[in-house]
Amino acid sequence: MASVIKKMADTLRNIDICIVLQQAGALRDQADTKKWHTTQGIISITGQKFFNWNRYCGGGGAIDMAMHLMQTDFKTALYWLKNNCSNRVLSNHTAKKTLRLPKPYPNNLPKVVAYLSKKRAIHEKLIYELINKKKLYADKYANAVFLLIGKNNIPQGAQIRATSNTKWIAMAPGSNKDLGYFYIKTKHTNNMVICESAIDAISYFQMNPHCLAVSTSGAMPNPKWLKYFVNSNFDISCGYDADYTGDTMAQKMIDIYPSIKRIRPVKKDWNQVLMELKK
């Protein structure tokens, strides 16, 4: 077994760390292409080395990057890289990316429902509502797949989150966060709250159901679809995480659209707020 792990590590270690960042949903800085905004803070890269300026630590290679982004152990990082980054080609702004959504495995839905309800404190009624509306499903690994919906109700990507004790998230290959977003809403509302993850959007909606709760799949200051809601006179609040990246991206969004307000969770994110209420 040790030789298998070593062989896998030797193969995966040299994956371009930009691919790892992309698959983890990180956002490349528009002004500095060597800087990325991640869930762990701002990361600068030089070749295969990286440094996190918020946590003041760094590393080198794809395995270190995966461990850092997912805050997980060596073996878990290896299998995440194998499932999400092997055989990936680094995308650029001109190449057209083909969306490859995971195949649904209905038999694994009970595991997804149990994870979201028992470990994330989300009401089963909301979970089944999302499943019935085909915004949420299970893949062959029993991961939760949250669809990013675009124009004409066409999927434009997906957030993928592990439901086991393994802690990781990823984007479906070819996802386009500028063209689609995960959302949950009540009827006839113009109150919109923008969150980072799908689970945070669902959590906020559960606590404040008279709204449209949207996930940008990571902190983004100006997804292309946002302008439509601003021009449609939605009352918009940015509910990004209570950390450096969330605060920075929220302020950039407000700088672009001054009508948007900032609402900051009292915990790191809205799911932590929800789980605290459930105690």
Protein backbone atom coordinates (compact mmCIF):
# COMPACT_ATOMS: atom_id res chain seq x y z
CA MET A 1 0.00 0.00 0.00
CA ALA A 2 2.85 2.36 0.87
CA SER A 3 4.42 1.85 -2.56
CA VAL A 4 1.07 2.63 -4.24
CA ILE A 5 0.75 5.88 -2.27
CA LYS A 6 4.35 6.84 -3.08
CA LYS A 7 3.84 6.16 -6.79
CA MET A 8 0.62 8.20 -6.76
CA ALA A 9 2.36 11.05 -4.95
CA ASP A 10 5.24 11.10 -7.44
CA THR A 11 2.73 11.38 -10.28
CA LEU A 12 0.46 14.00 -8.74
CA ARG A 13 3.04 16.24 -7.10
CA ASN A 14 3.94 17.96 -10.37
CA ILE A 15 0.42 18.96 -11.42
CA ASP A 16 0.40 22.69 -12.15
CA ILE A 17 -0.67 24.37 -8.90
CA CYS A 18 -2.82 26.76 -10.95
CA ILE A 19 -4.97 23.76 -11.90
CA VAL A 20 -5.32 22.90 -8.20
CA LEU A 21 -6.39 26.48 -7.46
CA GLN A 22 -8.93 26.45 -10.31
CA GLN A 23 -10.47 23.16 -9.23
CA ALA A 24 -10.73 24.39 -5.64
CA GLY A 25 -12.75 27.38 -6.84
CA ALA A 26 -10.05 30.01 -6.24
CA LEU A 27 -10.25 33.29 -8.16
CA ARG A 28 -7.23 34.72 -9.99
CA ASP A 29 -6.62 38.39 -9.22
CA GLN A 30 -7.44 40.56 -12.23
CA ALA A 31 -4.55 42.96 -11.60
CA ASP A 32 -1.86 40.44 -10.59
CA THR A 33 -2.00 37.06 -12.35
CA LYS A 34 0.36 35.52 -9.79
CA LYS A 35 -2.10 36.26 -6.98
CA TRP A 36 -5.17 34.13 -6.16
CA HIS A 37 -8.08 34.72 -3.79
CA THR A 38 -8.88 31.48 -1.94
CA THR A 39 -10.92 30.31 1.03
CA GLN A 40 -7.67 30.33 3.03
CA GLY A 41 -6.71 33.88 2.07
CA ILE A 42 -4.64 35.54 -0.65
CA ILE A 43 -2.01 33.24 -2.16
CA SER A 44 0.90 34.31 -4.36
CA ILE A 45 2.54 31.77 -6.67
CA THR A 46 6.00 31.58 -8.21
CA GLY A 47 6.31 28.53 -10.44
CA GLN A 48 5.25 25.59 -8.25
CA LYS A 49 5.81 27.44 -4.98
CA PHE A 50 3.16 29.41 -3.12
CA PHE A 51 2.83 31.69 -0.13
CA ASN A 52 -0.29 32.65 1.83
CA TRP A 53 0.00 36.25 3.00
CA ASN A 54 -2.89 35.97 5.43
CA ARG A 55 -1.65 32.85 7.21
CA TYR A 56 2.03 33.65 6.61
CA CYS A 57 2.93 30.17 5.43
CA GLY A 58 3.65 28.48 2.13
CA GLY A 59 4.80 25.37 0.36
CA GLY A 60 5.60 23.82 -2.96
CA GLY A 61 3.88 21.46 -5.40
CA ALA A 62 0.33 20.31 -5.99
CA ILE A 63 0.09 18.11 -2.89
CA ASP A 64 1.10 20.90 -0.52
CA MET A 65 -1.33 23.23 -2.28
CA ALA A 66 -4.23 20.76 -1.97
CA MET A 67 -3.47 20.12 1.70
CA HIS A 68 -3.36 23.86 2.35
CA LEU A 69 -6.54 24.77 0.46
CA MET A 70 -8.57 21.90 1.89
CA GLN A 71 -6.86 21.95 5.31
CA THR A 72 -6.60 18.19 5.08
CA ASP A 73 -4.04 15.40 5.43
CA PHE A 74 -1.57 14.05 2.88
CA LYS A 75 -3.54 10.96 1.83
CA THR A 76 -6.83 12.84 1.47
CA ALA A 77 -5.08 15.48 -0.64
CA LEU A 78 -3.72 12.77 -2.93
CA TYR A 79 -7.12 11.30 -3.66
CA TRP A 80 -8.62 14.77 -4.13
CA LEU A 81 -5.93 15.54 -6.72
CA LYS A 82 -6.47 12.18 -8.42
CA ASN A 83 -10.24 12.73 -8.69
CA ASN A 84 -10.19 16.42 -9.58
CA CYS A 85 -6.90 17.45 -11.16
CA SER A 86 -5.25 14.51 -12.94
CA ASN A 87 -5.55 14.73 -16.73
CA ARG A 88 -6.59 18.39 -16.47
CA VAL A 89 -5.22 21.02 -18.82
CA LEU A 90 -4.78 24.53 -17.44
CA SER A 91 -7.47 26.70 -18.98
CA ASN A 92 -6.89 30.20 -20.32
CA HIS A 93 -9.21 33.09 -21.10
CA THR A 94 -9.51 32.23 -24.79
CA ALA A 95 -9.98 28.49 -24.71
CA LYS A 96 -13.54 27.22 -24.60
CA LYS A 97 -14.07 24.90 -21.65
CA THR A 98 -16.44 21.96 -21.94
CA LEU A 99 -18.62 21.42 -18.90
CA ARG A 100 -18.38 17.91 -17.48
CA LEU A 101 -20.92 17.40 -14.72
CA PRO A 102 -20.68 14.32 -12.48
CA LYS A 103 -23.17 11.60 -13.31
CA PRO A 104 -26.07 11.41 -10.81
CA TYR A 105 -26.23 8.34 -8.55
CA PRO A 106 -29.69 8.38 -6.90
CA ASN A 107 -28.77 5.47 -4.61
CA ASN A 108 -26.28 7.77 -2.86
CA LEU A 109 -28.82 10.48 -2.08
CA PRO A 110 -29.47 9.23 1.51
CA LYS A 111 -25.80 9.90 2.35
CA VAL A 112 -26.05 13.43 0.96
CA VAL A 113 -29.29 14.10 2.84
CA ALA A 114 -27.81 12.74 6.09
CA TYR A 115 -24.70 14.89 5.73
CA LEU A 116 -26.59 18.12 5.04
CA SER A 117 -29.24 17.53 7.71
CA LYS A 118 -27.21 16.00 10.54
CA LYS A 119 -23.78 17.58 10.07
CA ARG A 120 -24.85 20.91 8.53
CA ALA A 121 -28.18 21.47 10.35
CA ILE A 122 -30.14 22.05 7.15
CA HIS A 123 -33.84 21.14 7.18
CA GLU A 124 -34.66 18.02 5.19
CA LYS A 125 -37.58 19.88 3.63
CA LEU A 126 -35.16 22.31 1.96
CA ILE A 127 -32.84 19.51 0.91
CA TYR A 128 -35.61 17.56 -0.82
CA GLU A 129 -36.95 20.73 -2.39
CA LEU A 130 -33.55 21.29 -4.02
CA ILE A 131 -33.34 17.64 -5.08
CA ASN A 132 -36.82 17.74 -6.62
CA LYS A 133 -35.94 20.94 -8.50
CA LYS A 134 -32.77 19.23 -9.79
CA LYS A 135 -30.44 21.76 -8.19
CA LEU A 136 -28.83 19.14 -5.95
CA TYR A 137 -27.88 15.51 -6.48
CA ALA A 138 -25.39 12.83 -5.42
CA ASP A 139 -22.50 11.55 -7.53
CA LYS A 140 -20.90 8.08 -7.50
CA TYR A 141 -18.71 9.02 -4.52
CA ALA A 142 -21.77 10.25 -2.55
CA ASN A 143 -20.55 13.82 -2.91
CA ALA A 144 -23.14 16.59 -2.86
CA VAL A 145 -23.38 18.28 -6.28
CA PHE A 146 -24.89 21.79 -6.29
CA LEU A 147 -25.72 23.01 -9.81
CA LEU A 148 -24.91 26.49 -11.07
CA ILE A 149 -27.94 27.51 -13.13
CA GLY A 150 -27.73 29.99 -16.01
CA LYS A 151 -29.96 31.51 -18.65
CA ASN A 152 -32.95 29.39 -19.75
CA ASN A 153 -32.38 27.17 -16.69
CA ILE A 154 -29.30 25.59 -18.30
CA PRO A 155 -26.57 24.30 -15.93
CA GLN A 156 -23.29 26.21 -16.26
CA GLY A 157 -21.31 24.32 -13.63
CA ALA A 158 -21.44 22.71 -10.23
CA GLN A 159 -19.98 22.93 -6.76
CA ILE A 160 -18.96 19.49 -5.48
CA ARG A 161 -18.58 18.87 -1.76
CA ALA A 162 -17.50 15.69 0.03
CA THR A 163 -20.01 14.30 2.50
CA SER A 164 -17.68 11.84 4.23
CA ASN A 165 -15.15 12.62 6.96
CA THR A 166 -12.88 13.75 4.14
CA LYS A 167 -12.97 17.53 3.90
CA TRP A 168 -12.81 18.96 0.40
CA ILE A 169 -14.70 20.95 -2.20
CA ALA A 170 -14.22 21.32 -5.95
CA MET A 171 -15.81 22.70 -9.09
CA ALA A 172 -16.99 20.48 -11.93
CA PRO A 173 -14.54 20.76 -14.85
CA GLY A 174 -15.60 23.52 -17.25
CA SER A 175 -17.78 25.35 -14.72
CA ASN A 176 -18.41 28.99 -15.61
CA LYS A 177 -19.17 31.09 -12.52
CA ASP A 178 -19.78 34.16 -14.68
CA LEU A 179 -22.71 32.51 -16.47
CA GLY A 180 -24.41 30.56 -13.68
CA TYR A 181 -24.97 30.45 -9.94
CA PHE A 182 -26.53 28.26 -7.31
CA TYR A 183 -29.63 29.74 -5.72
CA ILE A 184 -32.60 29.09 -3.46
CA LYS A 185 -35.50 31.52 -3.25
CA THR A 186 -38.99 32.32 -2.09
CA LYS A 187 -41.63 33.55 -4.53
CA HIS A 188 -41.96 37.21 -5.43
CA THR A 189 -39.00 38.78 -3.68
CA ASN A 190 -36.50 41.45 -4.64
CA ASN A 191 -34.30 40.88 -1.57
CA MET A 192 -31.09 39.16 -2.63
CA VAL A 193 -28.21 37.93 -0.46
CA ILE A 194 -24.95 36.79 -2.04
CA CYS A 195 -22.99 34.07 -0.23
CA GLU A 196 -19.78 32.22 -1.04
CA SER A 197 -20.83 28.55 -0.96
CA ALA A 198 -24.07 26.75 -1.77
CA ILE A 199 -24.32 25.47 1.80
CA ASP A 200 -23.99 29.02 3.10
CA ALA A 201 -26.73 30.22 0.74
CA ILE A 202 -29.05 27.44 1.91
CA SER A 203 -28.17 28.17 5.55
CA TYR A 204 -28.93 31.88 5.16
CA PHE A 205 -32.22 31.10 3.44
CA GLN A 206 -33.22 28.73 6.23
CA MET A 207 -32.73 31.54 8.76
CA ASN A 208 -34.17 34.27 6.49
CA PRO A 209 -36.59 32.59 4.06
CA HIS A 210 -38.06 35.73 2.44
CA CYS A 211 -35.21 36.26 0.03
CA LEU A 212 -33.23 35.05 -2.94
CA ALA A 213 -30.02 33.48 -1.58
CA VAL A 214 -27.28 33.07 -4.17
CA SER A 215 -23.87 31.40 -4.11
CA THR A 216 -20.97 32.69 -6.21
CA SER A 217 -18.92 29.50 -5.58
CA GLY A 218 -16.16 31.45 -3.87
CA ALA A 219 -15.77 35.16 -3.22
CA MET A 220 -16.06 37.05 -6.52
CA PRO A 221 -16.38 40.86 -6.71
CA ASN A 222 -18.23 41.11 -10.03
CA PRO A 223 -19.68 38.00 -11.70
CA LYS A 224 -21.21 38.96 -15.05
CA TRP A 225 -24.74 38.00 -14.01
CA LEU A 226 -24.72 40.41 -11.04
CA LYS A 227 -25.31 43.49 -13.20
CA TYR A 228 -28.72 42.15 -14.24
CA PHE A 229 -29.93 42.06 -10.62
CA VAL A 230 -28.52 45.51 -9.89
CA ASN A 231 -30.24 46.97 -12.94
CA SER A 232 -33.46 45.18 -11.95
CA ASN A 233 -33.52 47.16 -8.68
CA PHE A 234 -32.98 44.20 -6.39
CA ASP A 235 -32.15 45.07 -2.79
CA ILE A 236 -28.79 43.29 -2.67
CA SER A 237 -26.58 42.42 0.30
CA CYS A 238 -23.17 40.77 0.14
CA GLY A 239 -22.92 38.09 2.82
CA TYR A 240 -19.43 36.80 2.13
CA ASP A 241 -17.48 35.07 4.90
CA ALA A 242 -16.20 36.97 7.92
CA ASP A 243 -12.53 36.71 6.94
CA TYR A 244 -9.96 38.70 4.97
CA THR A 245 -10.97 37.32 1.57
CA GLY A 246 -14.69 37.74 2.24
CA ASP A 247 -14.25 41.30 3.49
CA THR A 248 -11.92 42.26 0.63
CA MET A 249 -14.14 40.85 -2.12
CA ALA A 250 -17.27 42.32 -0.54
CA GLN A 251 -15.69 45.79 -0.48
CA LYS A 252 -14.62 45.45 -4.13
CA MET A 253 -18.19 44.49 -5.04
CA ILE A 254 -19.55 47.52 -3.19
CA ASP A 255 -16.98 49.77 -4.88
CA ILE A 256 -18.36 48.62 -8.25
CA TYR A 257 -22.02 48.71 -7.17
CA PRO A 258 -22.48 51.23 -4.30
CA SER A 259 -26.12 50.21 -3.84
CA ILE A 260 -25.02 46.81 -2.49
CA LYS A 261 -24.80 46.52 1.31
CA ARG A 262 -22.48 44.38 3.40
CA ILE A 263 -23.92 41.91 5.91
CA ARG A 264 -21.24 39.99 7.82
CA PRO A 265 -21.95 36.67 9.58
CA VAL A 266 -21.20 36.71 13.31
CA LYS A 267 -19.33 33.42 12.82
CA LYS A 268 -16.97 32.69 9.91
CA ASP A 269 -19.86 31.83 7.57
CA TRP A 270 -23.63 31.42 7.55
CA ASN A 271 -23.58 27.68 8.07
CA GLN A 272 -21.60 28.13 11.27
CA VAL A 273 -24.22 30.68 12.36
CA LEU A 274 -26.99 28.17 11.61
CA MET A 275 -25.24 25.34 13.46
CA GLU A 276 -24.71 27.58 16.48
CA LEU A 277 -28.45 28.32 16.57
CA LYS A 278 -29.17 24.57 16.49
CA LYS A 279 -27.13 23.85 19.62
